[in-house]
Amino acid sequence: APGGIVFISRGLLDVLDNEAELAGVLAHEVGHVAEKHALKSIRR
């Protein structure tokens, strides 16, 4: 969500096997926040 709130479901967490995989998923979502993608989509 805008402003830096990131959610991950228990279902997706159960797919992962190590911390690097968790970091990759969270970094993908942080990338959305960094580029303000949600706000751009709302405006678009």
PDB file of all heavy atoms in Angstrom:
ATOM      1  N   ALA A   1       0.856  -1.185   0.000  1.00  0.00           N
ATOM      2  CA  ALA A   1       0.000   0.000   0.000  1.00  0.00           C
ATOM      3  C   ALA A   1       0.894   1.237   0.000  1.00  0.00           C
ATOM      4  O   ALA A   1       2.052   1.174   0.437  1.00  0.00           O
ATOM      5  CB  ALA A   1      -0.913   0.002   1.224  1.00  0.00           C
ATOM      6  N   PRO A   2       0.394   2.373  -0.482  1.00  0.00           N
ATOM      7  CA  PRO A   2       1.200   3.589  -0.469  1.00  0.00           C
ATOM      8  C   PRO A   2       1.714   3.913   0.931  1.00  0.00           C
ATOM      9  O   PRO A   2       1.080   3.588   1.932  1.00  0.00           O
ATOM     10  CB  PRO A   2       0.202   4.659  -0.952  1.00  0.00           C
ATOM     11  CG  PRO A   2      -0.793   3.909  -1.773  1.00  0.00           C
ATOM     12  CD  PRO A   2      -0.938   2.573  -1.091  1.00  0.00           C
ATOM     13  N   GLY A   3       2.868   4.528   0.985  1.00  0.00           N
ATOM     14  CA  GLY A   3       3.415   4.964   2.262  1.00  0.00           C
ATOM     15  C   GLY A   3       4.326   3.964   2.938  1.00  0.00           C
ATOM     16  O   GLY A   3       4.950   4.268   3.950  1.00  0.00           O
ATOM     17  N   GLY A   4       4.433   2.749   2.417  1.00  0.00           N
ATOM     18  CA  GLY A   4       5.387   1.801   2.965  1.00  0.00           C
ATOM     19  C   GLY A   4       4.804   0.672   3.775  1.00  0.00           C
ATOM     20  O   GLY A   4       5.496   0.084   4.611  1.00  0.00           O
ATOM     21  N   ILE A   5       3.525   0.319   3.560  1.00  0.00           N
ATOM     22  CA  ILE A   5       2.916  -0.813   4.248  1.00  0.00           C
ATOM     23  C   ILE A   5       2.912  -2.004   3.301  1.00  0.00           C
ATOM     24  O   ILE A   5       2.329  -1.947   2.219  1.00  0.00           O
ATOM     25  CB  ILE A   5       1.479  -0.496   4.693  1.00  0.00           C
ATOM     26  CG1 ILE A   5       1.447   0.791   5.513  1.00  0.00           C
ATOM     27  CG2 ILE A   5       0.903  -1.653   5.502  1.00  0.00           C
ATOM     28  CD1 ILE A   5       0.060   1.298   5.806  1.00  0.00           C
ATOM     29  N   VAL A   6       3.580  -3.086   3.704  1.00  0.00           N
ATOM     30  CA  VAL A   6       3.755  -4.245   2.840  1.00  0.00           C
ATOM     31  C   VAL A   6       3.154  -5.472   3.523  1.00  0.00           C
ATOM     32  O   VAL A   6       3.424  -5.742   4.698  1.00  0.00           O
ATOM     33  CB  VAL A   6       5.241  -4.497   2.537  1.00  0.00           C
ATOM     34  CG1 VAL A   6       5.426  -5.775   1.726  1.00  0.00           C
ATOM     35  CG2 VAL A   6       5.834  -3.294   1.794  1.00  0.00           C
ATOM     36  N   PHE A   7       2.347  -6.207   2.771  1.00  0.00           N
ATOM     37  CA  PHE A   7       1.715  -7.420   3.283  1.00  0.00           C
ATOM     38  C   PHE A   7       2.248  -8.639   2.546  1.00  0.00           C
ATOM     39  O   PHE A   7       2.491  -8.593   1.342  1.00  0.00           O
ATOM     40  CB  PHE A   7       0.197  -7.362   3.092  1.00  0.00           C
ATOM     41  CG  PHE A   7      -0.484  -6.293   3.886  1.00  0.00           C
ATOM     42  CD1 PHE A   7      -0.794  -5.066   3.311  1.00  0.00           C
ATOM     43  CD2 PHE A   7      -0.831  -6.503   5.216  1.00  0.00           C
ATOM     44  CE1 PHE A   7      -1.429  -4.077   4.047  1.00  0.00           C
ATOM     45  CE2 PHE A   7      -1.470  -5.527   5.951  1.00  0.00           C
ATOM     46  CZ  PHE A   7      -1.771  -4.303   5.365  1.00  0.00           C
ATOM     47  N   ILE A   8       2.394  -9.735   3.274  1.00  0.00           N
ATOM     48  CA  ILE A   8       2.672 -11.031   2.666  1.00  0.00           C
ATOM     49  C   ILE A   8       1.754 -12.041   3.343  1.00  0.00           C
ATOM     50  O   ILE A   8       1.570 -12.000   4.565  1.00  0.00           O
ATOM     51  CB  ILE A   8       4.151 -11.438   2.806  1.00  0.00           C
ATOM     52  CG1 ILE A   8       4.394 -12.813   2.138  1.00  0.00           C
ATOM     53  CG2 ILE A   8       4.603 -11.455   4.259  1.00  0.00           C
ATOM     54  CD1 ILE A   8       5.870 -13.198   2.034  1.00  0.00           C
ATOM     55  N   SER A   9       1.149 -12.900   2.558  1.00  0.00           N
ATOM     56  CA  SER A   9       0.205 -13.867   3.120  1.00  0.00           C
ATOM     57  C   SER A   9       0.938 -15.064   3.700  1.00  0.00           C
ATOM     58  O   SER A   9       2.053 -15.412   3.280  1.00  0.00           O
ATOM     59  CB  SER A   9      -0.775 -14.336   2.046  1.00  0.00           C
ATOM     60  OG  SER A   9      -0.108 -15.160   1.102  1.00  0.00           O
ATOM     61  N   ARG A  10       0.289 -15.717   4.651  1.00  0.00           N
ATOM     62  CA  ARG A  10       0.830 -16.958   5.202  1.00  0.00           C
ATOM     63  C   ARG A  10       0.975 -17.989   4.088  1.00  0.00           C
ATOM     64  O   ARG A  10       1.920 -18.785   4.076  1.00  0.00           O
ATOM     65  CB  ARG A  10      -0.104 -17.474   6.303  1.00  0.00           C
ATOM     66  CG  ARG A  10       0.312 -18.808   6.905  1.00  0.00           C
ATOM     67  CD  ARG A  10      -0.642 -19.229   8.015  1.00  0.00           C
ATOM     68  NE  ARG A  10      -2.043 -19.171   7.608  1.00  0.00           N
ATOM     69  CZ  ARG A  10      -2.652 -20.081   6.854  1.00  0.00           C
ATOM     70  NH1 ARG A  10      -1.972 -21.136   6.419  1.00  0.00           N
ATOM     71  NH2 ARG A  10      -3.921 -19.960   6.533  1.00  0.00           N
ATOM     72  N   GLY A  11       0.033 -17.989   3.122  1.00  0.00           N
ATOM     73  CA  GLY A  11       0.091 -18.928   2.019  1.00  0.00           C
ATOM     74  C   GLY A  11       1.340 -18.771   1.178  1.00  0.00           C
ATOM     75  O   GLY A  11       1.950 -19.772   0.767  1.00  0.00           O
ATOM     76  N   LEU A  12       1.755 -17.535   0.901  1.00  0.00           N
ATOM     77  CA  LEU A  12       2.973 -17.318   0.130  1.00  0.00           C
ATOM     78  C   LEU A  12       4.206 -17.611   0.970  1.00  0.00           C
ATOM     79  O   LEU A  12       5.189 -18.179   0.476  1.00  0.00           O
ATOM     80  CB  LEU A  12       3.027 -15.885  -0.402  1.00  0.00           C
ATOM     81  CG  LEU A  12       4.237 -15.527  -1.263  1.00  0.00           C
ATOM     82  CD1 LEU A  12       4.393 -16.498  -2.428  1.00  0.00           C
ATOM     83  CD2 LEU A  12       4.147 -14.092  -1.772  1.00  0.00           C
ATOM     84  N   LEU A  13       4.165 -17.262   2.239  1.00  0.00           N
ATOM     85  CA  LEU A  13       5.298 -17.537   3.124  1.00  0.00           C
ATOM     86  C   LEU A  13       5.580 -19.034   3.188  1.00  0.00           C
ATOM     87  O   LEU A  13       6.735 -19.459   3.268  1.00  0.00           O
ATOM     88  CB  LEU A  13       4.997 -16.995   4.523  1.00  0.00           C
ATOM     89  CG  LEU A  13       6.175 -16.839   5.492  1.00  0.00           C
ATOM     90  CD1 LEU A  13       7.196 -15.849   4.965  1.00  0.00           C
ATOM     91  CD2 LEU A  13       5.662 -16.385   6.855  1.00  0.00           C
ATOM     92  N   ASP A  14       4.530 -19.842   3.120  1.00  0.00           N
ATOM     93  CA  ASP A  14       4.684 -21.292   3.182  1.00  0.00           C
ATOM     94  C   ASP A  14       5.392 -21.858   1.950  1.00  0.00           C
ATOM     95  O   ASP A  14       5.892 -22.987   1.985  1.00  0.00           O
ATOM     96  CB  ASP A  14       3.322 -21.970   3.334  1.00  0.00           C
ATOM     97  CG  ASP A  14       2.744 -21.803   4.740  1.00  0.00           C
ATOM     98  OD1 ASP A  14       3.494 -21.407   5.644  1.00  0.00           O
ATOM     99  OD2 ASP A  14       1.537 -22.057   4.909  1.00  0.00           O
ATOM    100  N   VAL A  15       5.426 -21.094   0.861  1.00  0.00           N
ATOM    101  CA  VAL A  15       6.099 -21.548  -0.361  1.00  0.00           C
ATOM    102  C   VAL A  15       7.616 -21.393  -0.244  1.00  0.00           C
ATOM    103  O   VAL A  15       8.382 -22.118  -0.881  1.00  0.00           O
ATOM    104  CB  VAL A  15       5.582 -20.741  -1.575  1.00  0.00           C
ATOM    105  CG1 VAL A  15       6.363 -21.074  -2.847  1.00  0.00           C
ATOM    106  CG2 VAL A  15       4.101 -20.996  -1.791  1.00  0.00           C
ATOM    107  N   LEU A  16       8.051 -20.476   0.599  1.00  0.00           N
ATOM    108  CA  LEU A  16       9.464 -20.104   0.664  1.00  0.00           C
ATOM    109  C   LEU A  16      10.272 -21.067   1.524  1.00  0.00           C
ATOM    110  O   LEU A  16       9.740 -21.714   2.427  1.00  0.00           O
ATOM    111  CB  LEU A  16       9.589 -18.681   1.220  1.00  0.00           C
ATOM    112  CG  LEU A  16       8.668 -17.622   0.588  1.00  0.00           C
ATOM    113  CD1 LEU A  16       8.926 -16.262   1.211  1.00  0.00           C
ATOM    114  CD2 LEU A  16       8.844 -17.578  -0.923  1.00  0.00           C
ATOM    115  N   ASP A  17      11.580 -21.127   1.228  1.00  0.00           N
ATOM    116  CA  ASP A  17      12.466 -22.050   1.938  1.00  0.00           C
ATOM    117  C   ASP A  17      13.658 -21.380   2.604  1.00  0.00           C
ATOM    118  O   ASP A  17      14.388 -22.050   3.343  1.00  0.00           O
ATOM    119  CB  ASP A  17      12.988 -23.123   0.977  1.00  0.00           C
ATOM    120  CG  ASP A  17      11.903 -24.091   0.544  1.00  0.00           C
ATOM    121  OD1 ASP A  17      11.184 -24.615   1.419  1.00  0.00           O
ATOM    122  OD2 ASP A  17      11.766 -24.301  -0.672  1.00  0.00           O
ATOM    123  N   ASN A  18      13.897 -20.109   2.343  1.00  0.00           N
ATOM    124  CA  ASN A  18      15.033 -19.451   2.972  1.00  0.00           C
ATOM    125  C   ASN A  18      14.805 -17.942   3.040  1.00  0.00           C
ATOM    126  O   ASN A  18      13.862 -17.408   2.439  1.00  0.00           O
ATOM    127  CB  ASN A  18      16.341 -19.776   2.238  1.00  0.00           C
ATOM    128  CG  ASN A  18      16.313 -19.379   0.777  1.00  0.00           C
ATOM    129  OD1 ASN A  18      16.185 -18.207   0.445  1.00  0.00           O
ATOM    130  ND2 ASN A  18      16.432 -20.366  -0.113  1.00  0.00           N
ATOM    131  N   GLU A  19      15.662 -17.276   3.786  1.00  0.00           N
ATOM    132  CA  GLU A  19      15.505 -15.840   4.026  1.00  0.00           C
ATOM    133  C   GLU A  19      15.726 -15.019   2.761  1.00  0.00           C
ATOM    134  O   GLU A  19      15.096 -13.969   2.582  1.00  0.00           O
ATOM    135  CB  GLU A  19      16.479 -15.397   5.117  1.00  0.00           C
ATOM    136  CG  GLU A  19      16.254 -13.973   5.609  1.00  0.00           C
ATOM    137  CD  GLU A  19      17.081 -13.659   6.845  1.00  0.00           C
ATOM    138  OE1 GLU A  19      16.912 -14.363   7.866  1.00  0.00           O
ATOM    139  OE2 GLU A  19      17.896 -12.723   6.789  1.00  0.00           O
ATOM    140  N   ALA A  20      16.594 -15.488   1.877  1.00  0.00           N
ATOM    141  CA  ALA A  20      16.838 -14.755   0.641  1.00  0.00           C
ATOM    142  C   ALA A  20      15.582 -14.709  -0.224  1.00  0.00           C
ATOM    143  O   ALA A  20      15.295 -13.690  -0.876  1.00  0.00           O
ATOM    144  CB  ALA A  20      17.988 -15.397  -0.137  1.00  0.00           C
ATOM    145  N   GLU A  21      14.808 -15.804  -0.231  1.00  0.00           N
ATOM    146  CA  GLU A  21      13.555 -15.803  -0.989  1.00  0.00           C
ATOM    147  C   GLU A  21      12.560 -14.827  -0.378  1.00  0.00           C
ATOM    148  O   GLU A  21      11.868 -14.092  -1.104  1.00  0.00           O
ATOM    149  CB  GLU A  21      12.977 -17.213  -1.023  1.00  0.00           C
ATOM    150  CG  GLU A  21      13.813 -18.184  -1.851  1.00  0.00           C
ATOM    151  CD  GLU A  21      13.259 -19.592  -1.883  1.00  0.00           C
ATOM    152  OE1 GLU A  21      12.366 -19.907  -1.065  1.00  0.00           O
ATOM    153  OE2 GLU A  21      13.698 -20.383  -2.735  1.00  0.00           O
ATOM    154  N   LEU A  22      12.484 -14.797   0.943  1.00  0.00           N
ATOM    155  CA  LEU A  22      11.611 -13.829   1.617  1.00  0.00           C
ATOM    156  C   LEU A  22      12.051 -12.410   1.292  1.00  0.00           C
ATOM    157  O   LEU A  22      11.217 -11.544   0.985  1.00  0.00           O
ATOM    158  CB  LEU A  22      11.648 -14.061   3.127  1.00  0.00           C
ATOM    159  CG  LEU A  22      10.945 -13.024   4.000  1.00  0.00           C
ATOM    160  CD1 LEU A  22       9.452 -12.955   3.677  1.00  0.00           C
ATOM    161  CD2 LEU A  22      11.155 -13.340   5.484  1.00  0.00           C
ATOM    162  N   ALA A  23      13.343 -12.164   1.339  1.00  0.00           N
ATOM    163  CA  ALA A  23      13.865 -10.834   1.031  1.00  0.00           C
ATOM    164  C   ALA A  23      13.518 -10.421  -0.395  1.00  0.00           C
ATOM    165  O   ALA A  23      13.173  -9.264  -0.651  1.00  0.00           O
ATOM    166  CB  ALA A  23      15.380 -10.811   1.230  1.00  0.00           C
ATOM    167  N   GLY A  24      13.569 -11.359  -1.332  1.00  0.00           N
ATOM    168  CA  GLY A  24      13.238 -11.045  -2.711  1.00  0.00           C
ATOM    169  C   GLY A  24      11.790 -10.629  -2.886  1.00  0.00           C
ATOM    170  O   GLY A  24      11.481  -9.658  -3.586  1.00  0.00           O
ATOM    171  N   VAL A  25      10.867 -11.361  -2.232  1.00  0.00           N
ATOM    172  CA  VAL A  25       9.446 -11.014  -2.311  1.00  0.00           C
ATOM    173  C   VAL A  25       9.200  -9.630  -1.705  1.00  0.00           C
ATOM    174  O   VAL A  25       8.504  -8.794  -2.287  1.00  0.00           O
ATOM    175  CB  VAL A  25       8.593 -12.073  -1.595  1.00  0.00           C
ATOM    176  CG1 VAL A  25       7.140 -11.616  -1.489  1.00  0.00           C
ATOM    177  CG2 VAL A  25       8.670 -13.415  -2.322  1.00  0.00           C
ATOM    178  N   LEU A  26       9.773  -9.394  -0.527  1.00  0.00           N
ATOM    179  CA  LEU A  26       9.572  -8.103   0.135  1.00  0.00           C
ATOM    180  C   LEU A  26      10.228  -6.968  -0.648  1.00  0.00           C
ATOM    181  O   LEU A  26       9.682  -5.862  -0.721  1.00  0.00           O
ATOM    182  CB  LEU A  26      10.122  -8.159   1.560  1.00  0.00           C
ATOM    183  CG  LEU A  26       9.466  -9.201   2.477  1.00  0.00           C
ATOM    184  CD1 LEU A  26      10.090  -9.142   3.873  1.00  0.00           C
ATOM    185  CD2 LEU A  26       7.955  -9.018   2.560  1.00  0.00           C
ATOM    186  N   ALA A  27      11.375  -7.235  -1.265  1.00  0.00           N
ATOM    187  CA  ALA A  27      12.051  -6.208  -2.063  1.00  0.00           C
ATOM    188  C   ALA A  27      11.225  -5.839  -3.295  1.00  0.00           C
ATOM    189  O   ALA A  27      11.217  -4.679  -3.725  1.00  0.00           O
ATOM    190  CB  ALA A  27      13.434  -6.697  -2.479  1.00  0.00           C
ATOM    191  N   HIS A  28      10.536  -6.817  -3.873  1.00  0.00           N
ATOM    192  CA  HIS A  28       9.633  -6.535  -4.994  1.00  0.00           C
ATOM    193  C   HIS A  28       8.547  -5.555  -4.559  1.00  0.00           C
ATOM    194  O   HIS A  28       8.270  -4.562  -5.262  1.00  0.00           O
ATOM    195  CB  HIS A  28       8.999  -7.840  -5.488  1.00  0.00           C
ATOM    196  CG  HIS A  28       7.915  -7.655  -6.495  1.00  0.00           C
ATOM    197  ND1 HIS A  28       8.123  -7.715  -7.859  1.00  0.00           N
ATOM    198  CD2 HIS A  28       6.579  -7.407  -6.346  1.00  0.00           C
ATOM    199  CE1 HIS A  28       6.982  -7.512  -8.488  1.00  0.00           C
ATOM    200  NE2 HIS A  28       6.026  -7.332  -7.590  1.00  0.00           N
ATOM    201  N   GLU A  29       7.956  -5.792  -3.395  1.00  0.00           N
ATOM    202  CA  GLU A  29       6.900  -4.902  -2.913  1.00  0.00           C
ATOM    203  C   GLU A  29       7.453  -3.538  -2.509  1.00  0.00           C
ATOM    204  O   GLU A  29       6.805  -2.501  -2.736  1.00  0.00           O
ATOM    205  CB  GLU A  29       6.164  -5.553  -1.744  1.00  0.00           C
ATOM    206  CG  GLU A  29       5.498  -6.877  -2.079  1.00  0.00           C
ATOM    207  CD  GLU A  29       4.556  -6.797  -3.275  1.00  0.00           C
ATOM    208  OE1 GLU A  29       3.955  -5.723  -3.491  1.00  0.00           O
ATOM    209  OE2 GLU A  29       4.426  -7.801  -3.998  1.00  0.00           O
ATOM    210  N   VAL A  30       8.630  -3.510  -1.922  1.00  0.00           N
ATOM    211  CA  VAL A  30       9.274  -2.234  -1.588  1.00  0.00           C
ATOM    212  C   VAL A  30       9.526  -1.440  -2.878  1.00  0.00           C
ATOM    213  O   VAL A  30       9.405  -0.210  -2.894  1.00  0.00           O
ATOM    214  CB  VAL A  30      10.584  -2.470  -0.820  1.00  0.00           C
ATOM    215  CG1 VAL A  30      11.422  -1.188  -0.746  1.00  0.00           C
ATOM    216  CG2 VAL A  30      10.287  -2.967   0.588  1.00  0.00           C
ATOM    217  N   GLY A  31       9.840  -2.146  -3.961  1.00  0.00           N
ATOM    218  CA  GLY A  31      10.029  -1.472  -5.242  1.00  0.00           C
ATOM    219  C   GLY A  31       8.777  -0.747  -5.700  1.00  0.00           C
ATOM    220  O   GLY A  31       8.858   0.356  -6.263  1.00  0.00           O
ATOM    221  N   HIS A  32       7.606  -1.330  -5.452  1.00  0.00           N
ATOM    222  CA  HIS A  32       6.351  -0.644  -5.782  1.00  0.00           C
ATOM    223  C   HIS A  32       6.205   0.643  -4.970  1.00  0.00           C
ATOM    224  O   HIS A  32       5.786   1.676  -5.492  1.00  0.00           O
ATOM    225  CB  HIS A  32       5.159  -1.563  -5.497  1.00  0.00           C
ATOM    226  CG  HIS A  32       4.951  -2.637  -6.509  1.00  0.00           C
ATOM    227  ND1 HIS A  32       4.928  -2.412  -7.868  1.00  0.00           N
ATOM    228  CD2 HIS A  32       4.733  -3.972  -6.359  1.00  0.00           C
ATOM    229  CE1 HIS A  32       4.708  -3.535  -8.511  1.00  0.00           C
ATOM    230  NE2 HIS A  32       4.588  -4.509  -7.618  1.00  0.00           N
ATOM    231  N   VAL A  33       6.529   0.565  -3.686  1.00  0.00           N
ATOM    232  CA  VAL A  33       6.420   1.752  -2.828  1.00  0.00           C
ATOM    233  C   VAL A  33       7.405   2.816  -3.281  1.00  0.00           C
ATOM    234  O   VAL A  33       7.074   4.002  -3.356  1.00  0.00           O
ATOM    235  CB  VAL A  33       6.674   1.384  -1.355  1.00  0.00           C
ATOM    236  CG1 VAL A  33       6.657   2.632  -0.473  1.00  0.00           C
ATOM    237  CG2 VAL A  33       5.637   0.375  -0.867  1.00  0.00           C
ATOM    238  N   ALA A  34       8.633   2.404  -3.595  1.00  0.00           N
ATOM    239  CA  ALA A  34       9.676   3.343  -3.981  1.00  0.00           C
ATOM    240  C   ALA A  34       9.294   4.139  -5.230  1.00  0.00           C
ATOM    241  O   ALA A  34       9.563   5.337  -5.328  1.00  0.00           O
ATOM    242  CB  ALA A  34      10.990   2.602  -4.206  1.00  0.00           C
ATOM    243  N   GLU A  35       8.641   3.460  -6.167  1.00  0.00           N
ATOM    244  CA  GLU A  35       8.252   4.127  -7.414  1.00  0.00           C
ATOM    245  C   GLU A  35       6.841   4.698  -7.361  1.00  0.00           C
ATOM    246  O   GLU A  35       6.363   5.231  -8.366  1.00  0.00           O
ATOM    247  CB  GLU A  35       8.358   3.134  -8.579  1.00  0.00           C
ATOM    248  CG  GLU A  35       9.759   2.592  -8.806  1.00  0.00           C
ATOM    249  CD  GLU A  35      10.781   3.691  -9.088  1.00  0.00           C
ATOM    250  OE1 GLU A  35      10.397   4.718  -9.702  1.00  0.00           O
ATOM    251  OE2 GLU A  35      11.954   3.518  -8.714  1.00  0.00           O
ATOM    252  N   LYS A  36       6.194   4.589  -6.218  1.00  0.00           N
ATOM    253  CA  LYS A  36       4.832   5.111  -6.030  1.00  0.00           C
ATOM    254  C   LYS A  36       3.872   4.558  -7.087  1.00  0.00           C
ATOM    255  O   LYS A  36       3.002   5.255  -7.613  1.00  0.00           O
ATOM    256  CB  LYS A  36       4.824   6.643  -6.041  1.00  0.00           C
ATOM    257  CG  LYS A  36       5.682   7.263  -4.957  1.00  0.00           C
ATOM    258  CD  LYS A  36       5.581   8.780  -4.947  1.00  0.00           C
ATOM    259  CE  LYS A  36       6.448   9.394  -3.855  1.00  0.00           C
ATOM    260  NZ  LYS A  36       6.364  10.866  -3.819  1.00  0.00           N
ATOM    261  N   HIS A  37       4.012   3.268  -7.387  1.00  0.00           N
ATOM    262  CA  HIS A  37       3.200   2.649  -8.426  1.00  0.00           C
ATOM    263  C   HIS A  37       1.717   2.679  -8.113  1.00  0.00           C
ATOM    264  O   HIS A  37       0.890   2.879  -9.012  1.00  0.00           O
ATOM    265  CB  HIS A  37       3.637   1.193  -8.626  1.00  0.00           C
ATOM    266  CG  HIS A  37       4.928   1.071  -9.375  1.00  0.00           C
ATOM    267  ND1 HIS A  37       5.737  -0.050  -9.289  1.00  0.00           N
ATOM    268  CD2 HIS A  37       5.563   1.924 -10.231  1.00  0.00           C
ATOM    269  CE1 HIS A  37       6.793   0.114 -10.064  1.00  0.00           C
ATOM    270  NE2 HIS A  37       6.715   1.292 -10.639  1.00  0.00           N
ATOM    271  N   ALA A  38       1.356   2.472  -6.856  1.00  0.00           N
ATOM    272  CA  ALA A  38      -0.064   2.439  -6.512  1.00  0.00           C
ATOM    273  C   ALA A  38      -0.725   3.782  -6.781  1.00  0.00           C
ATOM    274  O   ALA A  38      -1.813   3.859  -7.366  1.00  0.00           O
ATOM    275  CB  ALA A  38      -0.245   2.052  -5.047  1.00  0.00           C
ATOM    276  N   LEU A  39      -0.070   4.851  -6.355  1.00  0.00           N
ATOM    277  CA  LEU A  39      -0.637   6.182  -6.567  1.00  0.00           C
ATOM    278  C   LEU A  39      -0.713   6.510  -8.051  1.00  0.00           C
ATOM    279  O   LEU A  39      -1.693   7.112  -8.518  1.00  0.00           O
ATOM    280  CB  LEU A  39       0.208   7.227  -5.839  1.00  0.00           C
ATOM    281  CG  LEU A  39       0.256   7.098  -4.313  1.00  0.00           C
ATOM    282  CD1 LEU A  39       1.169   8.167  -3.723  1.00  0.00           C
ATOM    283  CD2 LEU A  39      -1.136   7.205  -3.716  1.00  0.00           C
ATOM    284  N   LYS A  40       0.298   6.124  -8.812  1.00  0.00           N
ATOM    285  CA  LYS A  40       0.276   6.364 -10.254  1.00  0.00           C
ATOM    286  C   LYS A  40      -0.872   5.609 -10.912  1.00  0.00           C
ATOM    287  O   LYS A  40      -1.515   6.116 -11.833  1.00  0.00           O
ATOM    288  CB  LYS A  40       1.608   5.951 -10.875  1.00  0.00           C
ATOM    289  CG  LYS A  40       2.778   6.849 -10.485  1.00  0.00           C
ATOM    290  CD  LYS A  40       4.095   6.326 -11.046  1.00  0.00           C
ATOM    291  CE  LYS A  40       5.267   7.197 -10.606  1.00  0.00           C
ATOM    292  NZ  LYS A  40       6.575   6.663 -11.087  1.00  0.00           N
ATOM    293  N   SER A  41      -1.122   4.390 -10.428  1.00  0.00           N
ATOM    294  CA  SER A  41      -2.215   3.595 -10.998  1.00  0.00           C
ATOM    295  C   SER A  41      -3.567   4.212 -10.693  1.00  0.00           C
ATOM    296  O   SER A  41      -4.462   4.233 -11.542  1.00  0.00           O
ATOM    297  CB  SER A  41      -2.170   2.165 -10.444  1.00  0.00           C
ATOM    298  OG  SER A  41      -1.050   1.482 -10.930  1.00  0.00           O
ATOM    299  N   ILE A  42      -3.724   4.710  -9.467  1.00  0.00           N
ATOM    300  CA  ILE A  42      -4.983   5.340  -9.088  1.00  0.00           C
ATOM    301  C   ILE A  42      -5.244   6.558  -9.960  1.00  0.00           C
ATOM    302  O   ILE A  42      -6.351   6.769 -10.460  1.00  0.00           O
ATOM    303  CB  ILE A  42      -4.959   5.731  -7.597  1.00  0.00           C
ATOM    304  CG1 ILE A  42      -4.934   4.470  -6.725  1.00  0.00           C
ATOM    305  CG2 ILE A  42      -6.164   6.592  -7.242  1.00  0.00           C
ATOM    306  CD1 ILE A  42      -4.649   4.739  -5.276  1.00  0.00           C
ATOM    307  N   ARG A  43      -4.207   7.364 -10.169  1.00  0.00           N
ATOM    308  CA  ARG A  43      -4.375   8.548 -11.017  1.00  0.00           C
ATOM    309  C   ARG A  43      -4.653   8.142 -12.461  1.00  0.00           C
ATOM    310  O   ARG A  43      -5.478   8.741 -13.144  1.00  0.00           O
ATOM    311  CB  ARG A  43      -3.112   9.409 -10.940  1.00  0.00           C
ATOM    312  CG  ARG A  43      -3.068  10.297  -9.712  1.00  0.00           C
ATOM    313  CD  ARG A  43      -1.799  11.104  -9.656  1.00  0.00           C
ATOM    314  NE  ARG A  43      -1.932  12.185  -8.680  1.00  0.00           N
ATOM    315  CZ  ARG A  43      -0.916  12.714  -8.022  1.00  0.00           C
ATOM    316  NH1 ARG A  43       0.306  12.275  -8.222  1.00  0.00           N
ATOM    317  NH2 ARG A  43      -1.109  13.690  -7.168  1.00  0.00           N
ATOM    318  N   ARG A  44      -3.950   7.123 -12.920  1.00  0.00           N
ATOM    319  CA  ARG A  44      -4.113   6.685 -14.307  1.00  0.00           C
ATOM    320  C   ARG A  44      -5.524   6.178 -14.546  1.00  0.00           C
ATOM    321  O   ARG A  44      -6.109   6.383 -15.608  1.00  0.00           O
ATOM    322  CB  ARG A  44      -3.088   5.594 -14.621  1.00  0.00           C
ATOM    323  CG  ARG A  44      -3.046   5.191 -16.076  1.00  0.00           C
ATOM    324  CD  ARG A  44      -1.923   4.194 -16.300  1.00  0.00           C
ATOM    325  NE  ARG A  44      -0.624   4.751 -15.948  1.00  0.00           N
ATOM    326  CZ  ARG A  44       0.511   4.062 -15.945  1.00  0.00           C
ATOM    327  NH1 ARG A  44       0.487   2.772 -16.254  1.00  0.00           N
ATOM    328  NH2 ARG A  44       1.648   4.637 -15.626  1.00  0.00           N
TER     329      ARG A  44
END
